[in-house]
C-alpha atoms as a PDB file:
ATOM      1  CA  UNK A   1      61.697  72.946  97.573  1.00  0.00           C
ATOM      2  CA  UNK A   2      62.320  73.056  93.850  1.00  0.00           C
ATOM      3  CA  UNK A   3      62.367  69.803  92.017  1.00  0.00           C
ATOM      4  CA  UNK A   4      63.487  69.174  88.513  1.00  0.00           C
ATOM      5  CA  UNK A   5      60.945  67.481  86.336  1.00  0.00           C
ATOM      6  CA  UNK A   6      62.176  64.354  84.786  1.00  0.00           C
ATOM      7  CA  UNK A   7      59.353  63.479  82.380  1.00  0.00           C
ATOM      8  CA  UNK A   8      56.769  62.414  84.869  1.00  0.00           C
ATOM      9  CA  UNK A   9      59.017  59.701  86.376  1.00  0.00           C
ATOM     10  CA  UNK A  10      58.903  59.284  90.173  1.00  0.00           C
ATOM     11  CA  UNK A  11      62.197  59.952  91.907  1.00  0.00           C
ATOM     12  CA  UNK A  12      61.693  57.120  94.206  1.00  0.00           C
ATOM     13  CA  UNK A  13      61.914  54.635  91.340  1.00  0.00           C
ATOM     14  CA  UNK A  14      65.094  56.053  89.867  1.00  0.00           C
ATOM     15  CA  UNK A  15      68.759  55.435  90.728  1.00  0.00           C
ATOM     16  CA  UNK A  16      70.761  57.934  92.524  1.00  0.00           C
ATOM     17  CA  UNK A  17      74.141  57.434  94.388  1.00  0.00           C
ATOM     18  CA  UNK A  18      73.881  56.297  98.057  1.00  0.00           C
ATOM     19  CA  UNK A  19      74.842  59.011 100.662  1.00  0.00           C
ATOM     20  CA  UNK A  20      77.245  56.756 102.405  1.00  0.00           C
ATOM     21  CA  UNK A  21      80.138  54.523 101.207  1.00  0.00           C
ATOM     22  CA  UNK A  22      81.997  51.898 103.298  1.00  0.00           C
ATOM     23  CA  UNK A  23      85.216  53.911 102.962  1.00  0.00           C
ATOM     24  CA  UNK A  24      88.143  53.433 105.481  1.00  0.00           C
ATOM     25  CA  UNK A  25      86.284  54.850 108.544  1.00  0.00           C
ATOM     26  CA  UNK A  26      87.856  57.983 110.040  1.00  0.00           C
ATOM     27  CA  UNK A  27      90.500  59.007 107.561  1.00  0.00           C
ATOM     28  CA  UNK A  28      91.687  61.578 105.019  1.00  0.00           C
ATOM     29  CA  UNK A  29      89.762  61.401 101.898  1.00  0.00           C
ATOM     30  CA  UNK A  30      90.418  63.086  98.490  1.00  0.00           C
ATOM     31  CA  UNK A  31      87.749  64.610  96.369  1.00  0.00           C
ATOM     32  CA  UNK A  32      86.685  66.939  93.555  1.00  0.00           C
ATOM     33  CA  UNK A  33      83.656  68.843  94.115  1.00  0.00           C
ATOM     34  CA  UNK A  34      83.187  70.752  90.880  1.00  0.00           C
ATOM     35  CA  UNK A  35      82.781  68.780  87.802  1.00  0.00           C
ATOM     36  CA  UNK A  36      80.643  68.823  84.684  1.00  0.00           C
ATOM     37  CA  UNK A  37      79.600  65.973  82.424  1.00  0.00           C
ATOM     38  CA  UNK A  38      77.811  65.843  79.016  1.00  0.00           C
ATOM     39  CA  UNK A  39      74.523  66.446  80.998  1.00  0.00           C
ATOM     40  CA  UNK A  40      75.626  70.228  81.020  1.00  0.00           C
ATOM     41  CA  UNK A  41      78.694  71.631  79.236  1.00  0.00           C
ATOM     42  CA  UNK A  42      81.389  69.079  79.830  1.00  0.00           C
ATOM     43  CA  UNK A  43      82.832  66.710  77.312  1.00  0.00           C
ATOM     44  CA  UNK A  44      82.986  63.623  79.438  1.00  0.00           C
ATOM     45  CA  UNK A  45      80.148  61.148  80.275  1.00  0.00           C
ATOM     46  CA  UNK A  46      79.613  60.392  83.927  1.00  0.00           C
ATOM     47  CA  UNK A  47      81.143  56.873  83.406  1.00  0.00           C
ATOM     48  CA  UNK A  48      84.317  58.782  82.047  1.00  0.00           C
ATOM     49  CA  UNK A  49      84.424  61.094  84.981  1.00  0.00           C
ATOM     50  CA  UNK A  50      84.067  58.220  87.656  1.00  0.00           C
ATOM     51  CA  UNK A  51      86.788  56.218  86.091  1.00  0.00           C
ATOM     52  CA  UNK A  52      89.244  59.105  85.755  1.00  0.00           C
ATOM     53  CA  UNK A  53      88.497  60.305  89.304  1.00  0.00           C
ATOM     54  CA  UNK A  54      89.350  56.924  90.679  1.00  0.00           C
ATOM     55  CA  UNK A  55      92.539  56.685  88.551  1.00  0.00           C
ATOM     56  CA  UNK A  56      93.458  60.066  90.019  1.00  0.00           C
ATOM     57  CA  UNK A  57      93.283  58.719  93.455  1.00  0.00           C
ATOM     58  CA  UNK A  58      90.137  60.295  94.484  1.00  0.00           C
ATOM     59  CA  UNK A  59      87.562  58.904  97.067  1.00  0.00           C
ATOM     60  CA  UNK A  60      84.773  61.124  96.176  1.00  0.00           C
ATOM     61  CA  UNK A  61      83.521  63.477  93.604  1.00  0.00           C
ATOM     62  CA  UNK A  62      80.447  65.849  93.390  1.00  0.00           C
ATOM     63  CA  UNK A  63      78.023  66.159  90.464  1.00  0.00           C
ATOM     64  CA  UNK A  64      77.775  69.915  89.864  1.00  0.00           C
ATOM     65  CA  UNK A  65      76.049  70.447  86.469  1.00  0.00           C
ATOM     66  CA  UNK A  66      75.037  73.982  85.608  1.00  0.00           C
ATOM     67  CA  UNK A  67      71.536  74.946  87.154  1.00  0.00           C
ATOM     68  CA  UNK A  68      70.161  71.432  87.022  1.00  0.00           C
ATOM     69  CA  UNK A  69      69.894  68.363  89.270  1.00  0.00           C
ATOM     70  CA  UNK A  70      71.945  65.348  88.810  1.00  0.00           C
ATOM     71  CA  UNK A  71      70.352  63.201  86.096  1.00  0.00           C
ATOM     72  CA  UNK A  72      68.587  60.099  87.613  1.00  0.00           C
ATOM     73  CA  UNK A  73      69.808  56.711  86.513  1.00  0.00           C
ATOM     74  CA  UNK A  74      73.163  57.824  85.442  1.00  0.00           C
ATOM     75  CA  UNK A  75      75.146  58.232  88.592  1.00  0.00           C
ATOM     76  CA  UNK A  76      74.044  55.568  90.928  1.00  0.00           C
ATOM     77  CA  UNK A  77      75.828  52.724  89.427  1.00  0.00           C
ATOM     78  CA  UNK A  78      79.032  54.566  89.497  1.00  0.00           C
ATOM     79  CA  UNK A  79      79.294  54.734  93.212  1.00  0.00           C
ATOM     80  CA  UNK A  80      81.248  51.940  95.013  1.00  0.00           C
ATOM     81  CA  UNK A  81      82.251  50.829  98.519  1.00  0.00           C
ATOM     82  CA  UNK A  82      85.272  53.030  98.176  1.00  0.00           C
ATOM     83  CA  UNK A  83      83.899  55.847  96.009  1.00  0.00           C
ATOM     84  CA  UNK A  84      81.318  58.461  97.032  1.00  0.00           C
ATOM     85  CA  UNK A  85      79.272  60.550  94.623  1.00  0.00           C
ATOM     86  CA  UNK A  86      77.982  63.578  96.236  1.00  0.00           C
ATOM     87  CA  UNK A  87      74.835  65.220  94.659  1.00  0.00           C
ATOM     88  CA  UNK A  88      75.224  69.036  93.973  1.00  0.00           C
ATOM     89  CA  UNK A  89      74.602  71.897  91.467  1.00  0.00           C
ATOM     90  CA  UNK A  90      76.633  74.791  90.144  1.00  0.00           C
ATOM     91  CA  UNK A  91      74.296  77.668  90.556  1.00  0.00           C
ATOM     92  CA  UNK A  92      75.307  79.916  87.679  1.00  0.00           C
ATOM     93  CA  UNK A  93      73.969  83.538  87.938  1.00  0.00           C
ATOM     94  CA  UNK A  94      74.700  86.547  86.130  1.00  0.00           C
ATOM     95  CA  UNK A  95      76.620  87.901  89.105  1.00  0.00           C
ATOM     96  CA  UNK A  96      78.651  85.061  90.160  1.00  0.00           C
ATOM     97  CA  UNK A  97      78.611  81.162  90.581  1.00  0.00           C
ATOM     98  CA  UNK A  98      78.320  79.055  93.595  1.00  0.00           C
ATOM     99  CA  UNK A  99      78.165  75.412  94.431  1.00  0.00           C
ATOM    100  CA  UNK A 100      75.314  73.841  96.119  1.00  0.00           C
ATOM    101  CA  UNK A 101      76.828  70.522  97.655  1.00  0.00           C
ATOM    102  CA  UNK A 102      74.821  67.807  99.372  1.00  0.00           C
ATOM    103  CA  UNK A 103      71.320  68.766  98.192  1.00  0.00           C
ATOM    104  CA  UNK A 104      68.716  66.132  97.650  1.00  0.00           C
ATOM    105  CA  UNK A 105      67.960  63.937  94.622  1.00  0.00           C
ATOM    106  CA  UNK A 106      66.063  65.937  92.066  1.00  0.00           C
ATOM    107  CA  UNK A 107      66.562  69.208  94.061  1.00  0.00           C
ATOM    108  CA  UNK A 108      67.273  72.388  92.170  1.00  0.00           C
ATOM    109  CA  UNK A 109      68.398  75.651  93.463  1.00  0.00           C
ATOM    110  CA  UNK A 110      67.031  78.463  91.354  1.00  0.00           C
ATOM    111  CA  UNK A 111      69.706  80.426  89.417  1.00  0.00           C
ATOM    112  CA  UNK A 112      67.547  83.452  88.502  1.00  0.00           C
ATOM    113  CA  UNK A 113      68.944  85.838  91.244  1.00  0.00           C
ATOM    114  CA  UNK A 114      71.605  88.249  91.286  1.00  0.00           C
ATOM    115  CA  UNK A 115      73.526  90.630  93.695  1.00  0.00           C
ATOM    116  CA  UNK A 116      71.236  93.232  95.530  1.00  0.00           C
ATOM    117  CA  UNK A 117      67.896  91.493  94.423  1.00  0.00           C
ATOM    118  CA  UNK A 118      67.476  90.114  97.987  1.00  0.00           C
ATOM    119  CA  UNK A 119      66.999  86.562  96.904  1.00  0.00           C
ATOM    120  CA  UNK A 120      70.323  84.993  97.585  1.00  0.00           C
ATOM    121  CA  UNK A 121      69.642  84.290 101.313  1.00  0.00           C
ATOM    122  CA  UNK A 122      66.707  82.119 100.576  1.00  0.00           C
ATOM    123  CA  UNK A 123      68.735  80.041  98.013  1.00  0.00           C
ATOM    124  CA  UNK A 124      71.411  79.570 100.724  1.00  0.00           C
ATOM    125  CA  UNK A 125      68.793  78.676 103.326  1.00  0.00           C
ATOM    126  CA  UNK A 126      67.442  76.077 100.811  1.00  0.00           C
ATOM    127  CA  UNK A 127      70.655  74.285 100.807  1.00  0.00           C
ATOM    128  CA  UNK A 128      71.542  74.555 104.524  1.00  0.00           C
ATOM    129  CA  UNK A 129      68.053  73.216 105.539  1.00  0.00           C
ATOM    130  CA  UNK A 130      69.079  69.782 104.035  1.00  0.00           C
ATOM    131  CA  UNK A 131      72.629  69.990 105.660  1.00  0.00           C
ATOM    132  CA  UNK A 132      74.208  71.043 102.411  1.00  0.00           C
ATOM    133  CA  UNK A 133      77.328  73.269 101.812  1.00  0.00           C
ATOM    134  CA  UNK A 134      77.430  76.614  99.883  1.00  0.00           C
ATOM    135  CA  UNK A 135      80.783  77.317  98.139  1.00  0.00           C
ATOM    136  CA  UNK A 136      81.642  80.663  96.393  1.00  0.00           C
ATOM    137  CA  UNK A 137      83.068  79.275  93.174  1.00  0.00           C
ATOM    138  CA  UNK A 138      86.110  80.748  91.191  1.00  0.00           C
ATOM    139  CA  UNK A 139      85.594  84.285  92.621  1.00  0.00           C
ATOM    140  CA  UNK A 140      87.845  85.928  89.897  1.00  0.00           C
ATOM    141  CA  UNK A 141      87.088  83.896  86.855  1.00  0.00           C
ATOM    142  CA  UNK A 142      87.952  86.060  83.739  1.00  0.00           C
ATOM    143  CA  UNK A 143      84.652  85.680  81.815  1.00  0.00           C
ATOM    144  CA  UNK A 144      81.229  87.480  82.012  1.00  0.00           C
ATOM    145  CA  UNK A 145      79.345  86.366  85.153  1.00  0.00           C
ATOM    146  CA  UNK A 146      82.704  84.727  86.541  1.00  0.00           C
ATOM    147  CA  UNK A 147      83.361  87.499  89.120  1.00  0.00           C
ATOM    148  CA  UNK A 148      81.749  86.612  92.350  1.00  0.00           C
ATOM    149  CA  UNK A 149      79.721  89.678  93.341  1.00  0.00           C
ATOM    150  CA  UNK A 150      77.575  88.382  96.208  1.00  0.00           C
ATOM    151  CA  UNK A 151      78.531  89.180  99.775  1.00  0.00           C
ATOM    152  CA  UNK A 152      80.173  86.151 101.426  1.00  0.00           C
ATOM    153  CA  UNK A 153      77.851  86.227 104.461  1.00  0.00           C
ATOM    154  CA  UNK A 154      75.859  82.892 104.433  1.00  0.00           C
ATOM    155  CA  UNK A 155      78.503  81.056 102.436  1.00  0.00           C
ATOM    156  CA  UNK A 156      80.370  78.255 103.948  1.00  0.00           C
ATOM    157  CA  UNK A 157      83.547  77.881 101.925  1.00  0.00           C
ATOM    158  CA  UNK A 158      85.637  79.803  99.154  1.00  0.00           C
ATOM    159  CA  UNK A 159      87.056  78.049  96.268  1.00  0.00           C
ATOM    160  CA  UNK A 160      90.284  79.486  95.997  1.00  0.00           C
ATOM    161  CA  UNK A 161      91.959  77.142  93.521  1.00  0.00           C
ATOM    162  CA  UNK A 162      89.844  76.537  90.360  1.00  0.00           C
ATOM    163  CA  UNK A 163      91.367  74.149  87.769  1.00  0.00           C
ATOM    164  CA  UNK A 164      92.878  74.196  84.229  1.00  0.00           C
ATOM    165  CA  UNK A 165      90.251  75.476  82.005  1.00  0.00           C
ATOM    166  CA  UNK A 166      91.892  75.728  78.609  1.00  0.00           C
ATOM    167  CA  UNK A 167      95.264  76.628  80.224  1.00  0.00           C
ATOM    168  CA  UNK A 168      98.139  74.284  80.431  1.00  0.00           C
ATOM    169  CA  UNK A 169      98.936  75.566  83.873  1.00  0.00           C
ATOM    170  CA  UNK A 170      97.214  74.365  87.019  1.00  0.00           C
ATOM    171  CA  UNK A 171      97.593  77.702  88.869  1.00  0.00           C
ATOM    172  CA  UNK A 172      96.524  80.922  87.116  1.00  0.00           C
ATOM    173  CA  UNK A 173      96.136  84.649  87.875  1.00  0.00           C
ATOM    174  CA  UNK A 174      92.514  84.327  89.020  1.00  0.00           C
ATOM    175  CA  UNK A 175      93.467  81.760  91.561  1.00  0.00           C
ATOM    176  CA  UNK A 176      96.315  84.051  92.830  1.00  0.00           C
ATOM    177  CA  UNK A 177      93.589  86.818  93.406  1.00  0.00           C
ATOM    178  CA  UNK A 178      91.102  84.484  95.078  1.00  0.00           C
ATOM    179  CA  UNK A 179      93.777  83.165  97.417  1.00  0.00           C
ATOM    180  CA  UNK A 180      95.018  86.573  98.367  1.00  0.00           C
ATOM    181  CA  UNK A 181      91.489  87.915  98.927  1.00  0.00           C
ATOM    182  CA  UNK A 182      90.594  84.962 101.051  1.00  0.00           C
ATOM    183  CA  UNK A 183      93.965  85.285 102.987  1.00  0.00           C
ATOM    184  CA  UNK A 184      93.249  88.854 103.708  1.00  0.00           C
ATOM    185  CA  UNK A 185      89.791  88.119 105.158  1.00  0.00           C
ATOM    186  CA  UNK A 186      91.057  85.245 107.274  1.00  0.00           C
ATOM    187  CA  UNK A 187      92.688  87.241 109.908  1.00  0.00           C
ATOM    188  CA  UNK A 188      89.630  89.359 110.512  1.00  0.00           C
ATOM    189  CA  UNK A 189      87.180  86.493 110.246  1.00  0.00           C
ATOM    190  CA  UNK A 190      89.156  84.070 112.592  1.00  0.00           C
ATOM    191  CA  UNK A 191      88.534  86.667 115.456  1.00  0.00           C
ATOM    192  CA  UNK A 192      84.856  86.418 115.198  1.00  0.00           C
ATOM    193  CA  UNK A 193      84.823  82.561 114.830  1.00  0.00           C
ATOM    194  CA  UNK A 194      83.111  82.836 111.535  1.00  0.00           C
ATOM    195  CA  UNK A 195      86.072  82.158 109.193  1.00  0.00           C
ATOM    196  CA  UNK A 196      85.362  80.434 105.945  1.00  0.00           C
ATOM    197  CA  UNK A 197      87.682  77.557 104.964  1.00  0.00           C
ATOM    198  CA  UNK A 198      89.189  77.315 101.471  1.00  0.00           C
ATOM    199  CA  UNK A 199      88.963  74.515  98.944  1.00  0.00           C
ATOM    200  CA  UNK A 200      90.139  73.535  95.526  1.00  0.00           C
ATOM    201  CA  UNK A 201      88.487  71.874  92.694  1.00  0.00           C
ATOM    202  CA  UNK A 202      89.228  71.153  88.942  1.00  0.00           C
ATOM    203  CA  UNK A 203      85.942  72.448  87.358  1.00  0.00           C
ATOM    204  CA  UNK A 204      86.327  69.772  85.070  1.00  0.00           C
ATOM    205  CA  UNK A 205      84.961  70.211  81.567  1.00  0.00           C
ATOM    206  CA  UNK A 206      87.713  68.395  79.442  1.00  0.00           C
ATOM    207  CA  UNK A 207      89.754  65.344  79.473  1.00  0.00           C
ATOM    208  CA  UNK A 208      92.807  65.376  81.688  1.00  0.00           C
ATOM    209  CA  UNK A 209      91.308  67.978  84.190  1.00  0.00           C
ATOM    210  CA  UNK A 210      89.674  65.944  86.956  1.00  0.00           C
ATOM    211  CA  UNK A 211      91.471  66.088  90.318  1.00  0.00           C
ATOM    212  CA  UNK A 212      93.745  69.061  89.341  1.00  0.00           C
ATOM    213  CA  UNK A 213      93.404  70.317  91.884  1.00  0.00           C
ATOM    214  CA  UNK A 214      91.320  68.496  94.766  1.00  0.00           C
ATOM    215  CA  UNK A 215      90.487  68.914  98.323  1.00  0.00           C
ATOM    216  CA  UNK A 216      91.870  66.394 101.086  1.00  0.00           C
ATOM    217  CA  UNK A 217      89.404  66.183 103.884  1.00  0.00           C
ATOM    218  CA  UNK A 218      89.498  64.515 107.201  1.00  0.00           C
ATOM    219  CA  UNK A 219      86.043  62.691 107.673  1.00  0.00           C
ATOM    220  CA  UNK A 220      84.706  60.262 110.344  1.00  0.00           C
ATOM    221  CA  UNK A 221      83.466  58.123 107.371  1.00  0.00           C
ATOM    222  CA  UNK A 222      83.010  58.263 103.616  1.00  0.00           C
ATOM    223  CA  UNK A 223      79.653  59.767 103.557  1.00  0.00           C
ATOM    224  CA  UNK A 224      78.167  63.005 102.230  1.00  0.00           C
ATOM    225  CA  UNK A 225      77.358  64.321 105.635  1.00  0.00           C
ATOM    226  CA  UNK A 226      80.812  63.417 107.136  1.00  0.00           C
ATOM    227  CA  UNK A 227      82.620  65.003 104.079  1.00  0.00           C
ATOM    228  CA  UNK A 228      80.663  68.168 104.177  1.00  0.00           C
ATOM    229  CA  UNK A 229      81.182  68.404 107.888  1.00  0.00           C
ATOM    230  CA  UNK A 230      85.018  68.054 107.446  1.00  0.00           C
ATOM    231  CA  UNK A 231      85.018  70.778 104.776  1.00  0.00           C
ATOM    232  CA  UNK A 232      82.886  72.927 106.803  1.00  0.00           C
ATOM    233  CA  UNK A 233      85.019  72.696 109.748  1.00  0.00           C
ATOM    234  CA  UNK A 234      88.240  73.476 107.676  1.00  0.00           C
ATOM    235  CA  UNK A 235      89.750  69.925 108.417  1.00  0.00           C
ATOM    236  CA  UNK A 236      91.257  69.973 104.922  1.00  0.00           C
ATOM    237  CA  UNK A 237      93.884  71.059 102.509  1.00  0.00           C
ATOM    238  CA  UNK A 238      94.234  71.361  98.833  1.00  0.00           C
ATOM    239  CA  UNK A 239      96.554  69.347  96.519  1.00  0.00           C
ATOM    240  CA  UNK A 240      97.284  69.339  92.813  1.00  0.00           C
ATOM    241  CA  UNK A 241      97.526  65.610  92.683  1.00  0.00           C
ATOM    242  CA  UNK A 242      97.316  62.255  94.804  1.00  0.00           C
ATOM    243  CA  UNK A 243     101.157  62.302  94.750  1.00  0.00           C
ATOM    244  CA  UNK A 244     101.212  65.184  97.183  1.00  0.00           C
ATOM    245  CA  UNK A 245     100.786  64.664 100.936  1.00  0.00           C
ATOM    246  CA  UNK A 246     101.392  66.982 103.853  1.00  0.00           C
ATOM    247  CA  UNK A 247     102.574  66.517 107.377  1.00  0.00           C
ATOM    248  CA  UNK A 248     102.319  69.480 109.890  1.00  0.00           C
ATOM    249  CA  UNK A 249     102.257  69.950 113.708  1.00  0.00           C
ATOM    250  CA  UNK A 250     101.956  72.925 115.911  1.00  0.00           C
ATOM    251  CA  UNK A 251     102.868  73.045 119.503  1.00  0.00           C
ATOM    252  CA  UNK A 252     101.908  75.280 122.176  1.00  0.00           C
ATOM    253  CA  UNK A 253     101.647  75.180 125.886  1.00  0.00           C
ATOM    254  CA  UNK A 254     102.373  71.286 125.832  1.00  0.00           C
ATOM    255  CA  UNK A 255      99.612  70.617 123.291  1.00  0.00           C
ATOM    256  CA  UNK A 256      99.867  69.463 119.666  1.00  0.00           C
ATOM    257  CA  UNK A 257      97.587  69.900 116.748  1.00  0.00           C
ATOM    258  CA  UNK A 258      98.051  68.366 113.230  1.00  0.00           C
ATOM    259  CA  UNK A 259      96.747  69.344 109.769  1.00  0.00           C
ATOM    260  CA  UNK A 260      93.135  70.482 110.023  1.00  0.00           C
ATOM    261  CA  UNK A 261      93.048  70.545 113.862  1.00  0.00           C
ATOM    262  CA  UNK A 262      92.706  73.556 116.001  1.00  0.00           C
ATOM    263  CA  UNK A 263      95.046  74.690 118.844  1.00  0.00           C
ATOM    264  CA  UNK A 264      93.352  77.113 121.284  1.00  0.00           C
ATOM    265  CA  UNK A 265      95.790  79.788 122.337  1.00  0.00           C
ATOM    266  CA  UNK A 266      95.228  83.483 122.912  1.00  0.00           C
ATOM    267  CA  UNK A 267      98.827  84.391 122.534  1.00  0.00           C
ATOM    268  CA  UNK A 268     101.001  82.292 120.220  1.00  0.00           C
ATOM    269  CA  UNK A 269     103.815  81.064 122.230  1.00  0.00           C
ATOM    270  CA  UNK A 270     104.748  77.927 120.320  1.00  0.00           C
ATOM    271  CA  UNK A 271     106.365  76.555 117.371  1.00  0.00           C
ATOM    272  CA  UNK A 272     105.435  74.479 114.138  1.00  0.00           C
ATOM    273  CA  UNK A 273     107.312  71.229 113.487  1.00  0.00           C
ATOM    274  CA  UNK A 274     107.600  68.364 111.094  1.00  0.00           C
ATOM    275  CA  UNK A 275     106.505  70.498 108.128  1.00  0.00           C
ATOM    276  CA  UNK A 276     107.023  68.530 104.940  1.00  0.00           C
ATOM    277  CA  UNK A 277     105.239  67.578 101.784  1.00  0.00           C
ATOM    278  CA  UNK A 278     105.506  64.234  99.913  1.00  0.00           C
ATOM    279  CA  UNK A 279     105.702  65.266  96.231  1.00  0.00           C
ATOM    280  CA  UNK A 280     106.684  63.926  92.787  1.00  0.00           C
ATOM    281  CA  UNK A 281     110.391  63.630  92.762  1.00  0.00           C
ATOM    282  CA  UNK A 282     111.015  63.548  96.510  1.00  0.00           C
ATOM    283  CA  UNK A 283     109.987  65.023  99.819  1.00  0.00           C
ATOM    284  CA  UNK A 284     110.130  68.821 100.385  1.00  0.00           C
ATOM    285  CA  UNK A 285     110.337  70.804 103.494  1.00  0.00           C
ATOM    286  CA  UNK A 286     107.719  73.540 103.867  1.00  0.00           C
ATOM    287  CA  UNK A 287     108.899  76.965 104.853  1.00  0.00           C
ATOM    288  CA  UNK A 288     107.908  78.107 108.301  1.00  0.00           C
ATOM    289  CA  UNK A 289     108.554  80.338 111.125  1.00  0.00           C
ATOM    290  CA  UNK A 290     108.670  79.567 114.923  1.00  0.00           C
ATOM    291  CA  UNK A 291     107.523  82.399 116.785  1.00  0.00           C
ATOM    292  CA  UNK A 292     108.050  82.637 120.756  1.00  0.00           C
ATOM    293  CA  UNK A 293     105.829  84.894 122.947  1.00  0.00           C
ATOM    294  CA  UNK A 294     104.584  87.299 120.128  1.00  0.00           C
ATOM    295  CA  UNK A 295     100.850  87.996 119.272  1.00  0.00           C
ATOM    296  CA  UNK A 296      99.422  85.475 116.976  1.00  0.00           C
ATOM    297  CA  UNK A 297      96.573  83.128 116.578  1.00  0.00           C
ATOM    298  CA  UNK A 298      93.238  83.894 118.397  1.00  0.00           C
ATOM    299  CA  UNK A 299      91.512  81.433 120.612  1.00  0.00           C
ATOM    300  CA  UNK A 300      89.174  79.046 118.570  1.00  0.00           C
END
């Protein structure tokens, strides 16, 4: 297990965020799992990021500096009873970037691998051994190394919505491409039971970016383990801001499932109801179709 050298200091004597916060018990939690501080190529300090994340209505955030562990002594004091900080890394390779979420204090995932060199699997295994999550980041980012060239096998989640960068628009062409690609793979993957959930993160580097977008996760508690479990299971959705909320139910054979839940059914003979979103400026009805007796979702 790779560890970053912090000048000979022992990690046990240094301050890292606790892996669990008090939170609200089982609830929906909002978080941004892709941010950068002055400790890599961001312009904001960890203190700036924590303050702005909380102001944006977030319950958790992840530290994802490029190819390095979270600095000891700079994040621990920013966690709170109602605010969780997840340790992570953006593994930045020449053939794509990916997020290693939930790694141990001081742990570093080696970035010196690329597609077809056979090393990616052992890097993913390193993260999975500690209960972490591997996320394919901004698969179609329009810059050198931004295109994600690794096979998705072994990755848990795809980041289909990546933030503003230097744009003044929260949704850009690379997000459209990532969402379309993920959507096309979903129908095939779901039949095998190995589908990969989607998530959205800001990839914050500059002022005014954090939380745009973020992922809303249903977790049993506000802890690293519970949050990653919720994301891995797909009990989540993506929002541009904390002003957005979603209500959704699906009904089939007398059973009901809500957002992030599963409704086992080999032939879709049901309907969706109560589809609405709370947005700035008022509630909106979400477009949907009710299909009776036609082939649809597979059992899961």
